[in-house]
Amino acid sequence: MNVASLSSLVFAGSVAAGFLGSLTGLGGGVVIVPLLTLAFGVDLHYAIGASLVSVIATSSGAAASYVRDGYSNVRIGLFLEIATTSGALLGASLVSRVPTSTIAIIFGAVLLYSAISSPPRDAVAKGGTPNTLAQWLRLNGSYPTAGGPTKYAVRRIPLGFATMVGAGTLSGLLGIGSGAMKVLAMDRAMGIPFKVSTTTSNFMIGVTAAASAGIYLARGYIDPGLAMPVMLGVLGGALLGARVLARARVRVLRNAFRGALLVLAAEMIYNGLVGKV
């Protein structure tokens, strides 16, 4: 296979990855890493490096559209980035102390449970009981629906913040975007509507990925020849996903999210058991 054919196949796979990452808030890395390592035999470190670049592209491409359309809650994203950044610094400091294979297995088990227990019914945005902390931080908001703007109230902020610290810690330990944990924290813990959770996650994951990508770049694990088709493909898929999200049913998004969680869980558990992380 020549370079042009390989780049074309990587680009096509990256479009699909960006589309899925944009709709679910996971980032394209959940598909890119297994695609590059299993299908194309790319070294894991270089696959993660290209994946981190793709996550930045997903966040940059989709987040701009979601913010413009009124789906992303920027204040929630910036507030929770404090937790994820702190967790990422903690995770980076624990890399030499905690076996990443053990963390990968635990993380996979958590994702597996979350995917199985995730409610398949459509989420209904409700105003909910006013939360003093949410009102003080002005985190409550609204998002566009077919019936007009629908308001929602954020709840259990300390639980969501703590979960975000865990998501950041896993990011530092495993080099992943932790978009799954971000969506779960906002959707399940804080009661934020699913579309707002996924779009705000897309807004957030770029910051975490950028910090990690700097480390991989310094270590020489980002190959421009590999990262370029991945980035362009993921960016195109992310922009396409941003157009589809407004018309997509929440039930379909949840099922796609559960499927992506199952894939990620299987990947993490397997790599942890065989010692590939």
C-alpha atoms as a PDB file:
ATOM      1  CA  MET A   1       0.000   0.000   0.000  1.00  0.00           C
ATOM      2  CA  ASN A   2       1.465   3.351  -1.047  1.00  0.00           C
ATOM      3  CA  VAL A   3       1.449   6.505   1.042  1.00  0.00           C
ATOM      4  CA  ALA A   4      -1.442   8.110  -0.852  1.00  0.00           C
ATOM      5  CA  SER A   5      -3.704   5.074  -0.371  1.00  0.00           C
ATOM      6  CA  LEU A   6      -2.814   4.810   3.306  1.00  0.00           C
ATOM      7  CA  SER A   7      -3.463   8.500   3.879  1.00  0.00           C
ATOM      8  CA  SER A   8      -6.821   8.227   2.092  1.00  0.00           C
ATOM      9  CA  LEU A   9      -7.918   5.308   4.272  1.00  0.00           C
ATOM     10  CA  VAL A  10      -6.748   7.071   7.437  1.00  0.00           C
ATOM     11  CA  PHE A  11      -8.615  10.197   6.343  1.00  0.00           C
ATOM     12  CA  ALA A  12     -11.849   8.248   5.704  1.00  0.00           C
ATOM     13  CA  GLY A  13     -11.651   6.545   9.080  1.00  0.00           C
ATOM     14  CA  SER A  14     -10.932   9.870  10.748  1.00  0.00           C
ATOM     15  CA  VAL A  15     -14.064  11.425   9.228  1.00  0.00           C
ATOM     16  CA  ALA A  16     -16.149   8.685  10.860  1.00  0.00           C
ATOM     17  CA  ALA A  17     -14.281   9.149  14.131  1.00  0.00           C
ATOM     18  CA  GLY A  18     -14.839  12.906  14.119  1.00  0.00           C
ATOM     19  CA  PHE A  19     -18.526  12.442  13.349  1.00  0.00           C
ATOM     20  CA  LEU A  20     -18.993  10.061  16.297  1.00  0.00           C
ATOM     21  CA  GLY A  21     -16.875  12.197  18.610  1.00  0.00           C
ATOM     22  CA  SER A  22     -18.819  15.324  17.742  1.00  0.00           C
ATOM     23  CA  LEU A  23     -22.223  13.723  18.403  1.00  0.00           C
ATOM     24  CA  THR A  24     -21.287  11.968  21.633  1.00  0.00           C
ATOM     25  CA  GLY A  25     -18.807  14.434  23.155  1.00  0.00           C
ATOM     26  CA  LEU A  26     -16.115  11.751  23.427  1.00  0.00           C
ATOM     27  CA  GLY A  27     -13.712  13.182  20.886  1.00  0.00           C
ATOM     28  CA  GLY A  28     -12.438  11.229  17.908  1.00  0.00           C
ATOM     29  CA  GLY A  29      -9.704   9.497  19.913  1.00  0.00           C
ATOM     30  CA  VAL A  30     -12.058   6.738  21.038  1.00  0.00           C
ATOM     31  CA  VAL A  31     -12.015   5.461  17.433  1.00  0.00           C
ATOM     32  CA  ILE A  32      -8.713   6.831  16.144  1.00  0.00           C
ATOM     33  CA  VAL A  33      -6.402   4.945  18.539  1.00  0.00           C
ATOM     34  CA  PRO A  34      -7.797   1.430  17.882  1.00  0.00           C
ATOM     35  CA  LEU A  35      -8.140   2.261  14.161  1.00  0.00           C
ATOM     36  CA  LEU A  36      -4.476   3.233  13.814  1.00  0.00           C
ATOM     37  CA  THR A  37      -3.049   0.535  16.059  1.00  0.00           C
ATOM     38  CA  LEU A  38      -5.214  -2.444  15.068  1.00  0.00           C
ATOM     39  CA  ALA A  39      -6.012  -1.683  11.414  1.00  0.00           C
ATOM     40  CA  PHE A  40      -2.807   0.067  10.328  1.00  0.00           C
ATOM     41  CA  GLY A  41      -0.234  -1.256  12.809  1.00  0.00           C
ATOM     42  CA  VAL A  42       0.830   2.182  14.053  1.00  0.00           C
ATOM     43  CA  ASP A  43       2.843   2.290  17.271  1.00  0.00           C
ATOM     44  CA  LEU A  44       0.591   3.107  20.228  1.00  0.00           C
ATOM     45  CA  HIS A  45       2.522   6.230  21.204  1.00  0.00           C
ATOM     46  CA  TYR A  46       2.246   7.735  17.723  1.00  0.00           C
ATOM     47  CA  ALA A  47      -1.430   6.727  17.542  1.00  0.00           C
ATOM     48  CA  ILE A  48      -2.133   8.550  20.805  1.00  0.00           C
ATOM     49  CA  GLY A  49      -0.176  11.576  19.565  1.00  0.00           C
ATOM     50  CA  ALA A  50      -2.264  11.742  16.391  1.00  0.00           C
ATOM     51  CA  SER A  51      -5.388  11.124  18.456  1.00  0.00           C
ATOM     52  CA  LEU A  52      -4.651  14.077  20.713  1.00  0.00           C
ATOM     53  CA  VAL A  53      -4.278  16.320  17.668  1.00  0.00           C
ATOM     54  CA  SER A  54      -7.604  14.999  16.381  1.00  0.00           C
ATOM     55  CA  VAL A  55      -9.281  15.714  19.714  1.00  0.00           C
ATOM     56  CA  ILE A  56      -8.125  19.314  19.498  1.00  0.00           C
ATOM     57  CA  ALA A  57      -9.525  19.473  15.962  1.00  0.00           C
ATOM     58  CA  THR A  58     -12.845  17.998  17.113  1.00  0.00           C
ATOM     59  CA  SER A  59     -13.110  20.471  19.956  1.00  0.00           C
ATOM     60  CA  SER A  60     -12.118  23.434  17.810  1.00  0.00           C
ATOM     61  CA  GLY A  61     -14.345  22.477  14.897  1.00  0.00           C
ATOM     62  CA  ALA A  62     -17.496  21.365  16.664  1.00  0.00           C
ATOM     63  CA  ALA A  63     -17.311  23.629  19.710  1.00  0.00           C
ATOM     64  CA  ALA A  64     -17.448  26.810  17.642  1.00  0.00           C
ATOM     65  CA  SER A  65     -20.657  25.666  15.942  1.00  0.00           C
ATOM     66  CA  TYR A  66     -22.234  24.492  19.193  1.00  0.00           C
ATOM     67  CA  VAL A  67     -21.453  27.754  20.988  1.00  0.00           C
ATOM     68  CA  ARG A  68     -22.873  29.768  18.084  1.00  0.00           C
ATOM     69  CA  ASP A  69     -26.052  27.655  17.998  1.00  0.00           C
ATOM     70  CA  GLY A  70     -26.580  27.996  21.751  1.00  0.00           C
ATOM     71  CA  TYR A  71     -26.018  24.381  22.816  1.00  0.00           C
ATOM     72  CA  SER A  72     -22.737  24.625  24.764  1.00  0.00           C
ATOM     73  CA  ASN A  73     -22.738  26.184  28.218  1.00  0.00           C
ATOM     74  CA  VAL A  74     -19.442  28.058  28.237  1.00  0.00           C
ATOM     75  CA  ARG A  75     -19.670  29.018  31.923  1.00  0.00           C
ATOM     76  CA  ILE A  76     -20.091  25.375  32.952  1.00  0.00           C
ATOM     77  CA  GLY A  77     -17.206  24.367  30.691  1.00  0.00           C
ATOM     78  CA  LEU A  78     -14.823  26.967  32.088  1.00  0.00           C
ATOM     79  CA  PHE A  79     -15.852  26.218  35.669  1.00  0.00           C
ATOM     80  CA  LEU A  80     -15.358  22.459  35.286  1.00  0.00           C
ATOM     81  CA  GLU A  81     -12.036  22.939  33.471  1.00  0.00           C
ATOM     82  CA  ILE A  82     -10.621  23.975  36.854  1.00  0.00           C
ATOM     83  CA  ALA A  83     -11.375  20.464  38.096  1.00  0.00           C
ATOM     84  CA  THR A  84     -10.127  18.603  35.021  1.00  0.00           C
ATOM     85  CA  THR A  85      -6.901  20.608  34.854  1.00  0.00           C
ATOM     86  CA  SER A  86      -6.216  20.004  38.549  1.00  0.00           C
ATOM     87  CA  GLY A  87      -6.928  16.318  38.074  1.00  0.00           C
ATOM     88  CA  ALA A  88      -4.637  16.148  35.032  1.00  0.00           C
ATOM     89  CA  LEU A  89      -1.763  17.603  37.063  1.00  0.00           C
ATOM     90  CA  LEU A  90      -2.469  15.064  39.804  1.00  0.00           C
ATOM     91  CA  GLY A  91      -2.601  12.214  37.312  1.00  0.00           C
ATOM     92  CA  ALA A  92       0.682  13.252  35.719  1.00  0.00           C
ATOM     93  CA  SER A  93       2.339  13.215  39.150  1.00  0.00           C
ATOM     94  CA  LEU A  94       1.033   9.685  39.793  1.00  0.00           C
ATOM     95  CA  VAL A  95       2.258   8.159  36.530  1.00  0.00           C
ATOM     96  CA  SER A  96       5.461   6.823  38.073  1.00  0.00           C
ATOM     97  CA  ARG A  97       3.686   5.541  41.203  1.00  0.00           C
ATOM     98  CA  VAL A  98       0.512   3.796  40.000  1.00  0.00           C
ATOM     99  CA  PRO A  99       0.571   1.057  37.312  1.00  0.00           C
ATOM    100  CA  THR A 100      -1.390   2.441  34.378  1.00  0.00           C
ATOM    101  CA  SER A 101      -2.545  -1.066  33.468  1.00  0.00           C
ATOM    102  CA  THR A 102      -4.399  -1.273  36.777  1.00  0.00           C
ATOM    103  CA  ILE A 103      -5.986   2.132  36.257  1.00  0.00           C
ATOM    104  CA  ALA A 104      -6.960   1.154  32.705  1.00  0.00           C
ATOM    105  CA  ILE A 105      -8.804  -1.948  33.930  1.00  0.00           C
ATOM    106  CA  ILE A 106     -10.634   0.028  36.632  1.00  0.00           C
ATOM    107  CA  PHE A 107     -11.507   2.756  34.149  1.00  0.00           C
ATOM    108  CA  GLY A 108     -12.797   0.181  31.663  1.00  0.00           C
ATOM    109  CA  ALA A 109     -14.947  -1.432  34.347  1.00  0.00           C
ATOM    110  CA  VAL A 110     -16.438   1.956  35.302  1.00  0.00           C
ATOM    111  CA  LEU A 111     -17.237   2.723  31.671  1.00  0.00           C
ATOM    112  CA  LEU A 112     -18.746  -0.720  31.188  1.00  0.00           C
ATOM    113  CA  TYR A 113     -21.046  -0.239  34.174  1.00  0.00           C
ATOM    114  CA  SER A 114     -21.957   3.253  32.988  1.00  0.00           C
ATOM    115  CA  ALA A 115     -22.833   1.997  29.502  1.00  0.00           C
ATOM    116  CA  ILE A 116     -24.998  -0.833  30.816  1.00  0.00           C
ATOM    117  CA  SER A 117     -26.793   1.299  33.397  1.00  0.00           C
ATOM    118  CA  SER A 118     -27.267   4.350  31.153  1.00  0.00           C
ATOM    119  CA  PRO A 119     -31.000   4.958  30.757  1.00  0.00           C
ATOM    120  CA  PRO A 120     -32.144   4.408  27.154  1.00  0.00           C
ATOM    121  CA  ARG A 121     -35.126   6.770  27.404  1.00  0.00           C
ATOM    122  CA  ASP A 122     -35.077  10.290  26.039  1.00  0.00           C
ATOM    123  CA  ALA A 123     -33.896  12.948  28.450  1.00  0.00           C
ATOM    124  CA  VAL A 124     -36.398  15.631  29.301  1.00  0.00           C
ATOM    125  CA  ALA A 125     -34.984  18.978  30.304  1.00  0.00           C
ATOM    126  CA  LYS A 126     -36.707  20.411  33.348  1.00  0.00           C
ATOM    127  CA  GLY A 127     -36.166  23.503  35.379  1.00  0.00           C
ATOM    128  CA  GLY A 128     -35.659  21.463  38.537  1.00  0.00           C
ATOM    129  CA  THR A 129     -35.205  22.784  42.045  1.00  0.00           C
ATOM    130  CA  PRO A 130     -33.146  25.994  42.098  1.00  0.00           C
ATOM    131  CA  ASN A 131     -29.601  25.379  43.299  1.00  0.00           C
ATOM    132  CA  THR A 132     -28.058  28.246  45.256  1.00  0.00           C
ATOM    133  CA  LEU A 133     -24.501  27.508  44.080  1.00  0.00           C
ATOM    134  CA  ALA A 134     -25.625  27.176  40.457  1.00  0.00           C
ATOM    135  CA  GLN A 135     -27.468  30.482  40.691  1.00  0.00           C
ATOM    136  CA  TRP A 136     -24.496  32.199  42.304  1.00  0.00           C
ATOM    137  CA  LEU A 137     -22.148  30.908  39.569  1.00  0.00           C
ATOM    138  CA  ARG A 138     -24.817  31.549  36.898  1.00  0.00           C
ATOM    139  CA  LEU A 139     -24.514  28.022  35.524  1.00  0.00           C
ATOM    140  CA  ASN A 140     -28.203  27.515  34.691  1.00  0.00           C
ATOM    141  CA  GLY A 141     -29.084  28.065  31.064  1.00  0.00           C
ATOM    142  CA  SER A 142     -31.208  27.074  28.096  1.00  0.00           C
ATOM    143  CA  TYR A 143     -30.737  25.352  24.775  1.00  0.00           C
ATOM    144  CA  PRO A 144     -32.689  25.382  21.488  1.00  0.00           C
ATOM    145  CA  THR A 145     -35.375  22.759  20.845  1.00  0.00           C
ATOM    146  CA  ALA A 146     -38.156  22.345  18.295  1.00  0.00           C
ATOM    147  CA  GLY A 147     -40.544  24.049  20.722  1.00  0.00           C
ATOM    148  CA  GLY A 148     -38.219  26.965  21.378  1.00  0.00           C
ATOM    149  CA  PRO A 149     -35.516  27.599  24.020  1.00  0.00           C
ATOM    150  CA  THR A 150     -35.784  25.132  26.932  1.00  0.00           C
ATOM    151  CA  LYS A 151     -34.399  26.106  30.314  1.00  0.00           C
ATOM    152  CA  TYR A 152     -32.538  23.711  32.601  1.00  0.00           C
ATOM    153  CA  ALA A 153     -31.165  23.924  36.141  1.00  0.00           C
ATOM    154  CA  VAL A 154     -27.811  22.487  37.207  1.00  0.00           C
ATOM    155  CA  ARG A 155     -27.740  20.409  40.397  1.00  0.00           C
ATOM    156  CA  ARG A 156     -25.227  18.458  42.531  1.00  0.00           C
ATOM    157  CA  ILE A 157     -22.350  20.707  41.523  1.00  0.00           C
ATOM    158  CA  PRO A 158     -19.851  19.311  44.115  1.00  0.00           C
ATOM    159  CA  LEU A 159     -20.459  15.753  42.821  1.00  0.00           C
ATOM    160  CA  GLY A 160     -19.964  16.853  39.229  1.00  0.00           C
ATOM    161  CA  PHE A 161     -16.832  18.808  40.144  1.00  0.00           C
ATOM    162  CA  ALA A 162     -15.360  15.796  41.973  1.00  0.00           C
ATOM    163  CA  THR A 163     -16.135  13.554  39.002  1.00  0.00           C
ATOM    164  CA  MET A 164     -14.343  16.013  36.738  1.00  0.00           C
ATOM    165  CA  VAL A 165     -11.272  15.818  38.960  1.00  0.00           C
ATOM    166  CA  GLY A 166     -11.356  12.048  38.450  1.00  0.00           C
ATOM    167  CA  ALA A 167     -11.742  12.544  34.694  1.00  0.00           C
ATOM    168  CA  GLY A 168      -8.713  14.825  34.637  1.00  0.00           C
ATOM    169  CA  THR A 169      -6.699  12.374  36.726  1.00  0.00           C
ATOM    170  CA  LEU A 170      -7.457   9.582  34.272  1.00  0.00           C
ATOM    171  CA  SER A 171      -6.453  11.898  31.440  1.00  0.00           C
ATOM    172  CA  GLY A 172      -3.075  12.498  33.045  1.00  0.00           C
ATOM    173  CA  LEU A 173      -2.548   8.821  33.779  1.00  0.00           C
ATOM    174  CA  LEU A 174      -3.727   7.325  30.497  1.00  0.00           C
ATOM    175  CA  GLY A 175      -3.340  10.083  27.921  1.00  0.00           C
ATOM    176  CA  ILE A 176      -7.020  10.091  26.923  1.00  0.00           C
ATOM    177  CA  GLY A 177      -9.416  12.971  26.409  1.00  0.00           C
ATOM    178  CA  SER A 178     -11.784  11.628  29.109  1.00  0.00           C
ATOM    179  CA  GLY A 179     -14.768  12.919  27.162  1.00  0.00           C
ATOM    180  CA  ALA A 180     -16.825   9.954  28.374  1.00  0.00           C
ATOM    181  CA  MET A 181     -16.336  10.889  32.020  1.00  0.00           C
ATOM    182  CA  LYS A 182     -17.114  14.529  31.276  1.00  0.00           C
ATOM    183  CA  VAL A 183     -20.410  13.643  29.616  1.00  0.00           C
ATOM    184  CA  LEU A 184     -21.338  11.255  32.426  1.00  0.00           C
ATOM    185  CA  ALA A 185     -20.544  13.872  35.073  1.00  0.00           C
ATOM    186  CA  MET A 186     -22.716  16.505  33.428  1.00  0.00           C
ATOM    187  CA  ASP A 187     -25.518  14.237  32.231  1.00  0.00           C
ATOM    188  CA  ARG A 188     -25.852  11.834  35.164  1.00  0.00           C
ATOM    189  CA  ALA A 189     -24.447  13.737  38.150  1.00  0.00           C
ATOM    190  CA  MET A 190     -25.381  17.340  37.398  1.00  0.00           C
ATOM    191  CA  GLY A 191     -28.643  16.738  35.536  1.00  0.00           C
ATOM    192  CA  ILE A 192     -27.613  18.717  32.457  1.00  0.00           C
ATOM    193  CA  PRO A 193     -29.547  17.779  29.267  1.00  0.00           C
ATOM    194  CA  PHE A 194     -27.661  15.294  27.124  1.00  0.00           C
ATOM    195  CA  LYS A 195     -27.229  17.574  24.115  1.00  0.00           C
ATOM    196  CA  VAL A 196     -25.799  20.285  26.358  1.00  0.00           C
ATOM    197  CA  SER A 197     -23.513  17.725  28.046  1.00  0.00           C
ATOM    198  CA  THR A 198     -22.052  16.429  24.779  1.00  0.00           C
ATOM    199  CA  THR A 199     -21.559  19.867  23.270  1.00  0.00           C
ATOM    200  CA  THR A 200     -20.000  21.302  26.424  1.00  0.00           C
ATOM    201  CA  SER A 201     -17.724  18.247  26.602  1.00  0.00           C
ATOM    202  CA  ASN A 202     -16.568  19.010  23.070  1.00  0.00           C
ATOM    203  CA  PHE A 203     -15.805  22.543  24.214  1.00  0.00           C
ATOM    204  CA  MET A 204     -13.741  21.227  27.148  1.00  0.00           C
ATOM    205  CA  ILE A 205     -11.743  18.304  25.756  1.00  0.00           C
ATOM    206  CA  GLY A 206      -9.590  20.493  23.534  1.00  0.00           C
ATOM    207  CA  VAL A 207      -7.952  22.139  26.557  1.00  0.00           C
ATOM    208  CA  THR A 208      -7.018  18.804  28.139  1.00  0.00           C
ATOM    209  CA  ALA A 209      -5.822  17.385  24.818  1.00  0.00           C
ATOM    210  CA  ALA A 210      -3.705  20.460  24.085  1.00  0.00           C
ATOM    211  CA  ALA A 211      -1.806  20.078  27.351  1.00  0.00           C
ATOM    212  CA  SER A 212      -1.211  16.379  26.707  1.00  0.00           C
ATOM    213  CA  ALA A 213      -0.260  16.970  23.070  1.00  0.00           C
ATOM    214  CA  GLY A 214       2.494  19.335  24.160  1.00  0.00           C
ATOM    215  CA  ILE A 215       4.092  16.538  26.163  1.00  0.00           C
ATOM    216  CA  TYR A 216       3.826  14.074  23.271  1.00  0.00           C
ATOM    217  CA  LEU A 217       5.252  16.644  20.853  1.00  0.00           C
ATOM    218  CA  ALA A 218       8.227  17.217  23.133  1.00  0.00           C
ATOM    219  CA  ARG A 219       8.854  13.459  23.201  1.00  0.00           C
ATOM    220  CA  GLY A 220       8.679  13.162  19.413  1.00  0.00           C
ATOM    221  CA  TYR A 221       5.462  11.122  19.269  1.00  0.00           C
ATOM    222  CA  ILE A 222       3.525  13.408  16.903  1.00  0.00           C
ATOM    223  CA  ASP A 223       4.290  12.577  13.260  1.00  0.00           C
ATOM    224  CA  PRO A 224       3.008  15.344  10.938  1.00  0.00           C
ATOM    225  CA  GLY A 225       2.552  12.860   8.074  1.00  0.00           C
ATOM    226  CA  LEU A 226       0.186  10.808  10.227  1.00  0.00           C
ATOM    227  CA  ALA A 227      -1.402  13.596  12.240  1.00  0.00           C
ATOM    228  CA  MET A 228      -2.351  15.707   9.200  1.00  0.00           C
ATOM    229  CA  PRO A 229      -4.881  13.320   7.523  1.00  0.00           C
ATOM    230  CA  VAL A 230      -6.207  12.398  10.950  1.00  0.00           C
ATOM    231  CA  MET A 231      -6.728  16.035  11.925  1.00  0.00           C
ATOM    232  CA  LEU A 232      -8.357  17.010   8.615  1.00  0.00           C
ATOM    233  CA  GLY A 233     -10.637  13.971   8.642  1.00  0.00           C
ATOM    234  CA  VAL A 234     -11.722  14.442  12.237  1.00  0.00           C
ATOM    235  CA  LEU A 235     -12.329  18.140  11.683  1.00  0.00           C
ATOM    236  CA  GLY A 236     -14.550  17.401   8.673  1.00  0.00           C
ATOM    237  CA  GLY A 237     -16.459  14.740  10.590  1.00  0.00           C
ATOM    238  CA  ALA A 238     -16.867  17.053  13.584  1.00  0.00           C
ATOM    239  CA  LEU A 239     -18.362  19.813  11.458  1.00  0.00           C
ATOM    240  CA  LEU A 240     -20.730  17.294   9.855  1.00  0.00           C
ATOM    241  CA  GLY A 241     -21.741  16.023  13.287  1.00  0.00           C
ATOM    242  CA  ALA A 242     -22.456  19.562  14.445  1.00  0.00           C
ATOM    243  CA  ARG A 243     -24.986  19.926  11.602  1.00  0.00           C
ATOM    244  CA  VAL A 244     -26.653  16.601  12.372  1.00  0.00           C
ATOM    245  CA  LEU A 245     -26.931  17.134  16.152  1.00  0.00           C
ATOM    246  CA  ALA A 246     -29.649  19.771  15.910  1.00  0.00           C
ATOM    247  CA  ARG A 247     -31.975  17.281  14.164  1.00  0.00           C
ATOM    248  CA  ALA A 248     -30.875  14.124  15.975  1.00  0.00           C
ATOM    249  CA  ARG A 249     -33.055  12.348  18.522  1.00  0.00           C
ATOM    250  CA  VAL A 250     -31.637  12.143  22.036  1.00  0.00           C
ATOM    251  CA  ARG A 251     -32.486   8.413  22.167  1.00  0.00           C
ATOM    252  CA  VAL A 252     -30.272   7.794  19.142  1.00  0.00           C
ATOM    253  CA  LEU A 253     -27.459   9.853  20.654  1.00  0.00           C
ATOM    254  CA  ARG A 254     -27.694   7.954  23.924  1.00  0.00           C
ATOM    255  CA  ASN A 255     -27.516   4.607  22.117  1.00  0.00           C
ATOM    256  CA  ALA A 256     -24.501   5.811  20.136  1.00  0.00           C
ATOM    257  CA  PHE A 257     -22.936   7.012  23.378  1.00  0.00           C
ATOM    258  CA  ARG A 258     -23.528   3.638  25.055  1.00  0.00           C
ATOM    259  CA  GLY A 259     -22.023   1.815  22.091  1.00  0.00           C
ATOM    260  CA  ALA A 260     -18.960   4.045  22.136  1.00  0.00           C
ATOM    261  CA  LEU A 261     -18.580   3.462  25.883  1.00  0.00           C
ATOM    262  CA  LEU A 262     -18.680  -0.315  25.353  1.00  0.00           C
ATOM    263  CA  VAL A 263     -15.969  -0.094  22.700  1.00  0.00           C
ATOM    264  CA  LEU A 264     -13.803   2.130  24.873  1.00  0.00           C
ATOM    265  CA  ALA A 265     -14.350  -0.115  27.916  1.00  0.00           C
ATOM    266  CA  ALA A 266     -13.348  -3.253  25.988  1.00  0.00           C
ATOM    267  CA  GLU A 267     -10.268  -1.488  24.625  1.00  0.00           C
ATOM    268  CA  MET A 268      -9.153  -0.217  28.019  1.00  0.00           C
ATOM    269  CA  ILE A 269      -9.699  -3.542  29.806  1.00  0.00           C
ATOM    270  CA  TYR A 270      -7.916  -5.511  27.092  1.00  0.00           C
ATOM    271  CA  ASN A 271      -4.942  -3.144  26.932  1.00  0.00           C
ATOM    272  CA  GLY A 272      -4.738  -3.172  30.721  1.00  0.00           C
ATOM    273  CA  LEU A 273      -4.777  -6.974  30.912  1.00  0.00           C
ATOM    274  CA  VAL A 274      -2.094  -7.418  28.268  1.00  0.00           C
ATOM    275  CA  GLY A 275      -0.021  -4.537  29.628  1.00  0.00           C
ATOM    276  CA  LYS A 276      -0.179  -2.286  26.572  1.00  0.00           C
ATOM    277  CA  VAL A 277      -0.828   0.912  28.525  1.00  0.00           C
END
